[in-house]
Amino acid sequence: MIAPGAGGLLEGIGTGSIAMTGRKPAPRTVTVTPTEEQAAFVDAFARRAAIRPAGVP
């Protein structure tokens, strides 16, 4: 199960630069550094996904 709001946060990470600058970011040359809170969330999300047994969506 994905926590409610997780999709919105992940989408926000990907589209934040577009919203802030008003234009598309440079293609793959700019590395977005997430905040500690976002990094912790992504880390926990990845660990939780890795714990799941194979075959479980």
PDB file of N, CA and C in Angstrom:
ATOM      1  N   MET A   1       0.848  -1.200   0.000  1.00  0.00           N
ATOM      2  CA  MET A   1       0.000   0.000   0.000  1.00  0.00           C
ATOM      3  C   MET A   1       0.876   1.239   0.000  1.00  0.00           C
ATOM      4  N   ILE A   2       0.515   2.184  -0.816  1.00  0.00           N
ATOM      5  CA  ILE A   2       1.250   3.449  -0.862  1.00  0.00           C
ATOM      6  C   ILE A   2       0.539   4.449   0.042  1.00  0.00           C
ATOM      7  N   ALA A   3       1.318   5.126   0.869  1.00  0.00           N
ATOM      8  CA  ALA A   3       0.733   6.083   1.798  1.00  0.00           C
ATOM      9  C   ALA A   3      -0.017   7.179   1.039  1.00  0.00           C
ATOM     10  N   PRO A   4      -1.145   7.615   1.557  1.00  0.00           N
ATOM     11  CA  PRO A   4      -1.897   8.691   0.894  1.00  0.00           C
ATOM     12  C   PRO A   4      -1.030   9.928   0.724  1.00  0.00           C
ATOM     13  N   GLY A   5      -1.086  10.528  -0.441  1.00  0.00           N
ATOM     14  CA  GLY A   5      -0.308  11.728  -0.668  1.00  0.00           C
ATOM     15  C   GLY A   5       1.094  11.457  -1.179  1.00  0.00           C
ATOM     16  N   ALA A   6       1.510  10.185  -1.196  1.00  0.00           N
ATOM     17  CA  ALA A   6       2.867   9.874  -1.656  1.00  0.00           C
ATOM     18  C   ALA A   6       3.031  10.249  -3.116  1.00  0.00           C
ATOM     19  N   GLY A   7       2.036   9.952  -3.930  1.00  0.00           N
ATOM     20  CA  GLY A   7       2.110  10.290  -5.348  1.00  0.00           C
ATOM     21  C   GLY A   7       2.238  11.782  -5.555  1.00  0.00           C
ATOM     22  N   GLY A   8       1.490  12.548  -4.784  1.00  0.00           N
ATOM     23  CA  GLY A   8       1.547  13.996  -4.917  1.00  0.00           C
ATOM     24  C   GLY A   8       2.927  14.534  -4.571  1.00  0.00           C
ATOM     25  N   LEU A   9       3.553  13.964  -3.540  1.00  0.00           N
ATOM     26  CA  LEU A   9       4.877  14.430  -3.149  1.00  0.00           C
ATOM     27  C   LEU A   9       5.895  14.095  -4.224  1.00  0.00           C
ATOM     28  N   LEU A  10       5.813  12.874  -4.758  1.00  0.00           N
ATOM     29  CA  LEU A  10       6.758  12.474  -5.790  1.00  0.00           C
ATOM     30  C   LEU A  10       6.575  13.326  -7.040  1.00  0.00           C
ATOM     31  N   GLU A  11       5.336  13.617  -7.383  1.00  0.00           N
ATOM     32  CA  GLU A  11       5.084  14.484  -8.536  1.00  0.00           C
ATOM     33  C   GLU A  11       5.640  15.879  -8.260  1.00  0.00           C
ATOM     34  N   GLY A  12       5.481  16.347  -7.040  1.00  0.00           N
ATOM     35  CA  GLY A  12       5.979  17.668  -6.688  1.00  0.00           C
ATOM     36  C   GLY A  12       7.486  17.765  -6.832  1.00  0.00           C
ATOM     37  N   ILE A  13       8.190  16.682  -6.478  1.00  0.00           N
ATOM     38  CA  ILE A  13       9.647  16.688  -6.606  1.00  0.00           C
ATOM     39  C   ILE A  13      10.037  16.819  -8.083  1.00  0.00           C
ATOM     40  N   GLY A  14       9.304  16.122  -8.946  1.00  0.00           N
ATOM     41  CA  GLY A  14       9.654  16.122 -10.362  1.00  0.00           C
ATOM     42  C   GLY A  14       9.283  17.406 -11.079  1.00  0.00           C
ATOM     43  N   THR A  15       8.212  18.069 -10.624  1.00  0.00           N
ATOM     44  CA  THR A  15       7.722  19.238 -11.359  1.00  0.00           C
ATOM     45  C   THR A  15       8.031  20.552 -10.650  1.00  0.00           C
ATOM     46  N   GLY A  16       8.703  20.470  -9.511  1.00  0.00           N
ATOM     47  CA  GLY A  16       8.967  21.685  -8.739  1.00  0.00           C
ATOM     48  C   GLY A  16       9.762  22.721  -9.506  1.00  0.00           C
ATOM     49  N   SER A  17      10.787  22.274 -10.243  1.00  0.00           N
ATOM     50  CA  SER A  17      11.632  23.234 -10.945  1.00  0.00           C
ATOM     51  C   SER A  17      10.852  23.951 -12.036  1.00  0.00           C
ATOM     52  N   ILE A  18       9.918  23.250 -12.671  1.00  0.00           N
ATOM     53  CA  ILE A  18       9.110  23.878 -13.722  1.00  0.00           C
ATOM     54  C   ILE A  18       8.217  24.956 -13.100  1.00  0.00           C
ATOM     55  N   ALA A  19       7.640  24.648 -11.934  1.00  0.00           N
ATOM     56  CA  ALA A  19       6.752  25.596 -11.285  1.00  0.00           C
ATOM     57  C   ALA A  19       7.521  26.842 -10.811  1.00  0.00           C
ATOM     58  N   MET A  20       8.742  26.634 -10.347  1.00  0.00           N
ATOM     59  CA  MET A  20       9.512  27.755  -9.817  1.00  0.00           C
ATOM     60  C   MET A  20      10.051  28.652 -10.922  1.00  0.00           C
ATOM     61  N   THR A  21      10.512  28.061 -12.012  1.00  0.00           N
ATOM     62  CA  THR A  21      11.139  28.867 -13.062  1.00  0.00           C
ATOM     63  C   THR A  21      10.139  29.278 -14.127  1.00  0.00           C
ATOM     64  N   GLY A  22       9.039  28.536 -14.237  1.00  0.00           N
ATOM     65  CA  GLY A  22       8.056  28.854 -15.262  1.00  0.00           C
ATOM     66  C   GLY A  22       8.434  28.300 -16.619  1.00  0.00           C
ATOM     67  N   ARG A  23       9.513  27.535 -16.674  1.00  0.00           N
ATOM     68  CA  ARG A  23       9.922  26.920 -17.943  1.00  0.00           C
ATOM     69  C   ARG A  23      10.562  25.569 -17.660  1.00  0.00           C
ATOM     70  N   LYS A  24      10.780  24.799 -18.694  1.00  0.00           N
ATOM     71  CA  LYS A  24      11.365  23.472 -18.489  1.00  0.00           C
ATOM     72  C   LYS A  24      12.811  23.605 -18.021  1.00  0.00           C
ATOM     73  N   PRO A  25      13.229  22.748 -17.105  1.00  0.00           N
ATOM     74  CA  PRO A  25      14.619  22.780 -16.642  1.00  0.00           C
ATOM     75  C   PRO A  25      15.571  22.289 -17.732  1.00  0.00           C
ATOM     76  N   ALA A  26      16.827  22.615 -17.592  1.00  0.00           N
ATOM     77  CA  ALA A  26      17.824  22.148 -18.551  1.00  0.00           C
ATOM     78  C   ALA A  26      17.856  20.616 -18.534  1.00  0.00           C
ATOM     79  N   PRO A  27      17.978  20.006 -19.684  1.00  0.00           N
ATOM     80  CA  PRO A  27      17.902  18.545 -19.767  1.00  0.00           C
ATOM     81  C   PRO A  27      19.055  17.835 -19.059  1.00  0.00           C
ATOM     82  N   ARG A  28      18.757  17.272 -17.894  1.00  0.00           N
ATOM     83  CA  ARG A  28      19.675  16.399 -17.169  1.00  0.00           C
ATOM     84  C   ARG A  28      21.019  16.999 -16.779  1.00  0.00           C
ATOM     85  N   THR A  29      21.198  18.299 -16.978  1.00  0.00           N
ATOM     86  CA  THR A  29      22.468  18.880 -16.572  1.00  0.00           C
ATOM     87  C   THR A  29      22.370  19.433 -15.155  1.00  0.00           C
ATOM     88  N   VAL A  30      21.152  19.730 -14.731  1.00  0.00           N
ATOM     89  CA  VAL A  30      20.955  20.259 -13.385  1.00  0.00           C
ATOM     90  C   VAL A  30      20.482  19.135 -12.470  1.00  0.00           C
ATOM     91  N   THR A  31      21.205  18.920 -11.395  1.00  0.00           N
ATOM     92  CA  THR A  31      20.813  17.880 -10.443  1.00  0.00           C
ATOM     93  C   THR A  31      20.023  18.522  -9.314  1.00  0.00           C
ATOM     94  N   VAL A  32      18.809  18.030  -9.100  1.00  0.00           N
ATOM     95  CA  VAL A  32      17.974  18.579  -8.034  1.00  0.00           C
ATOM     96  C   VAL A  32      18.376  17.947  -6.712  1.00  0.00           C
ATOM     97  N   THR A  33      18.729  18.772  -5.753  1.00  0.00           N
ATOM     98  CA  THR A  33      19.058  18.249  -4.435  1.00  0.00           C
ATOM     99  C   THR A  33      17.827  18.339  -3.548  1.00  0.00           C
ATOM    100  N   PRO A  34      17.276  17.195  -3.164  1.00  0.00           N
ATOM    101  CA  PRO A  34      16.082  17.200  -2.333  1.00  0.00           C
ATOM    102  C   PRO A  34      16.389  17.676  -0.916  1.00  0.00           C
ATOM    103  N   THR A  35      15.365  18.174  -0.261  1.00  0.00           N
ATOM    104  CA  THR A  35      15.542  18.581   1.134  1.00  0.00           C
ATOM    105  C   THR A  35      15.734  17.329   1.977  1.00  0.00           C
ATOM    106  N   GLU A  36      16.188  17.501   3.201  1.00  0.00           N
ATOM    107  CA  GLU A  36      16.396  16.345   4.074  1.00  0.00           C
ATOM    108  C   GLU A  36      15.092  15.586   4.268  1.00  0.00           C
ATOM    109  N   GLU A  37      13.991  16.323   4.371  1.00  0.00           N
ATOM    110  CA  GLU A  37      12.698  15.684   4.582  1.00  0.00           C
ATOM    111  C   GLU A  37      12.323  14.826   3.379  1.00  0.00           C
ATOM    112  N   GLN A  38      12.523  15.364   2.174  1.00  0.00           N
ATOM    113  CA  GLN A  38      12.214  14.607   0.965  1.00  0.00           C
ATOM    114  C   GLN A  38      13.140  13.406   0.837  1.00  0.00           C
ATOM    115  N   ALA A  39      14.426  13.595   1.130  1.00  0.00           N
ATOM    116  CA  ALA A  39      15.385  12.507   1.030  1.00  0.00           C
ATOM    117  C   ALA A  39      15.031  11.384   2.000  1.00  0.00           C
ATOM    118  N   ALA A  40      14.622  11.754   3.215  1.00  0.00           N
ATOM    119  CA  ALA A  40      14.243  10.756   4.213  1.00  0.00           C
ATOM    120  C   ALA A  40      13.004   9.989   3.752  1.00  0.00           C
ATOM    121  N   PHE A  41      12.059  10.705   3.147  1.00  0.00           N
ATOM    122  CA  PHE A  41      10.843  10.063   2.662  1.00  0.00           C
ATOM    123  C   PHE A  41      11.174   9.074   1.545  1.00  0.00           C
ATOM    124  N   VAL A  42      11.990   9.504   0.604  1.00  0.00           N
ATOM    125  CA  VAL A  42      12.346   8.634  -0.519  1.00  0.00           C
ATOM    126  C   VAL A  42      13.110   7.415  -0.012  1.00  0.00           C
ATOM    127  N   ASP A  43      14.001   7.627   0.961  1.00  0.00           N
ATOM    128  CA  ASP A  43      14.770   6.521   1.521  1.00  0.00           C
ATOM    129  C   ASP A  43      13.848   5.515   2.195  1.00  0.00           C
ATOM    130  N   ALA A  44      12.916   6.008   3.001  1.00  0.00           N
ATOM    131  CA  ALA A  44      11.975   5.129   3.684  1.00  0.00           C
ATOM    132  C   ALA A  44      11.078   4.416   2.671  1.00  0.00           C
ATOM    133  N   PHE A  45      10.689   5.144   1.639  1.00  0.00           N
ATOM    134  CA  PHE A  45       9.832   4.575   0.595  1.00  0.00           C
ATOM    135  C   PHE A  45      10.561   3.434  -0.112  1.00  0.00           C
ATOM    136  N   ALA A  46      11.827   3.631  -0.420  1.00  0.00           N
ATOM    137  CA  ALA A  46      12.614   2.605  -1.104  1.00  0.00           C
ATOM    138  C   ALA A  46      12.823   1.388  -0.200  1.00  0.00           C
ATOM    139  N   ARG A  47      13.082   1.630   1.065  1.00  0.00           N
ATOM    140  CA  ARG A  47      13.281   0.503   1.988  1.00  0.00           C
ATOM    141  C   ARG A  47      11.999  -0.313   2.116  1.00  0.00           C
ATOM    142  N   ARG A  48      10.860   0.391   2.216  1.00  0.00           N
ATOM    143  CA  ARG A  48       9.589  -0.296   2.360  1.00  0.00           C
ATOM    144  C   ARG A  48       9.298  -1.148   1.112  1.00  0.00           C
ATOM    145  N   ALA A  49       9.624  -0.604  -0.054  1.00  0.00           N
ATOM    146  CA  ALA A  49       9.385  -1.321  -1.298  1.00  0.00           C
ATOM    147  C   ALA A  49      10.297  -2.546  -1.389  1.00  0.00           C
ATOM    148  N   ALA A  50      11.515  -2.433  -0.871  1.00  0.00           N
ATOM    149  CA  ALA A  50      12.479  -3.530  -0.958  1.00  0.00           C
ATOM    150  C   ALA A  50      12.104  -4.680  -0.031  1.00  0.00           C
ATOM    151  N   ILE A  51      11.356  -4.380   1.034  1.00  0.00           N
ATOM    152  CA  ILE A  51      10.998  -5.414   1.997  1.00  0.00           C
ATOM    153  C   ILE A  51       9.897  -6.324   1.444  1.00  0.00           C
ATOM    154  N   ARG A  52       9.083  -5.801   0.527  1.00  0.00           N
ATOM    155  CA  ARG A  52       7.967  -6.587   0.004  1.00  0.00           C
ATOM    156  C   ARG A  52       8.431  -7.870  -0.676  1.00  0.00           C
ATOM    157  N   PRO A  53       7.692  -8.959  -0.474  1.00  0.00           N
ATOM    158  CA  PRO A  53       8.029 -10.201  -1.168  1.00  0.00           C
ATOM    159  C   PRO A  53       7.784 -10.068  -2.664  1.00  0.00           C
ATOM    160  N   ALA A  54       8.495 -10.860  -3.448  1.00  0.00           N
ATOM    161  CA  ALA A  54       8.353 -10.803  -4.894  1.00  0.00           C
ATOM    162  C   ALA A  54       6.929 -11.165  -5.293  1.00  0.00           C
ATOM    163  N   GLY A  55       6.397 -10.456  -6.284  1.00  0.00           N
ATOM    164  CA  GLY A  55       5.061 -10.752  -6.777  1.00  0.00           C
ATOM    165  C   GLY A  55       3.976  -9.910  -6.132  1.00  0.00           C
ATOM    166  N   VAL A  56       4.313  -9.185  -5.070  1.00  0.00           N
ATOM    167  CA  VAL A  56       3.316  -8.338  -4.423  1.00  0.00           C
ATOM    168  C   VAL A  56       3.429  -6.930  -4.996  1.00  0.00           C
ATOM    169  N   PRO A  57       2.351  -6.422  -5.568  1.00  0.00           N
ATOM    170  CA  PRO A  57       2.411  -5.095  -6.187  1.00  0.00           C
ATOM    171  C   PRO A  57       2.636  -3.985  -5.166  1.00  0.00           C
TER     172      PRO A  57
END
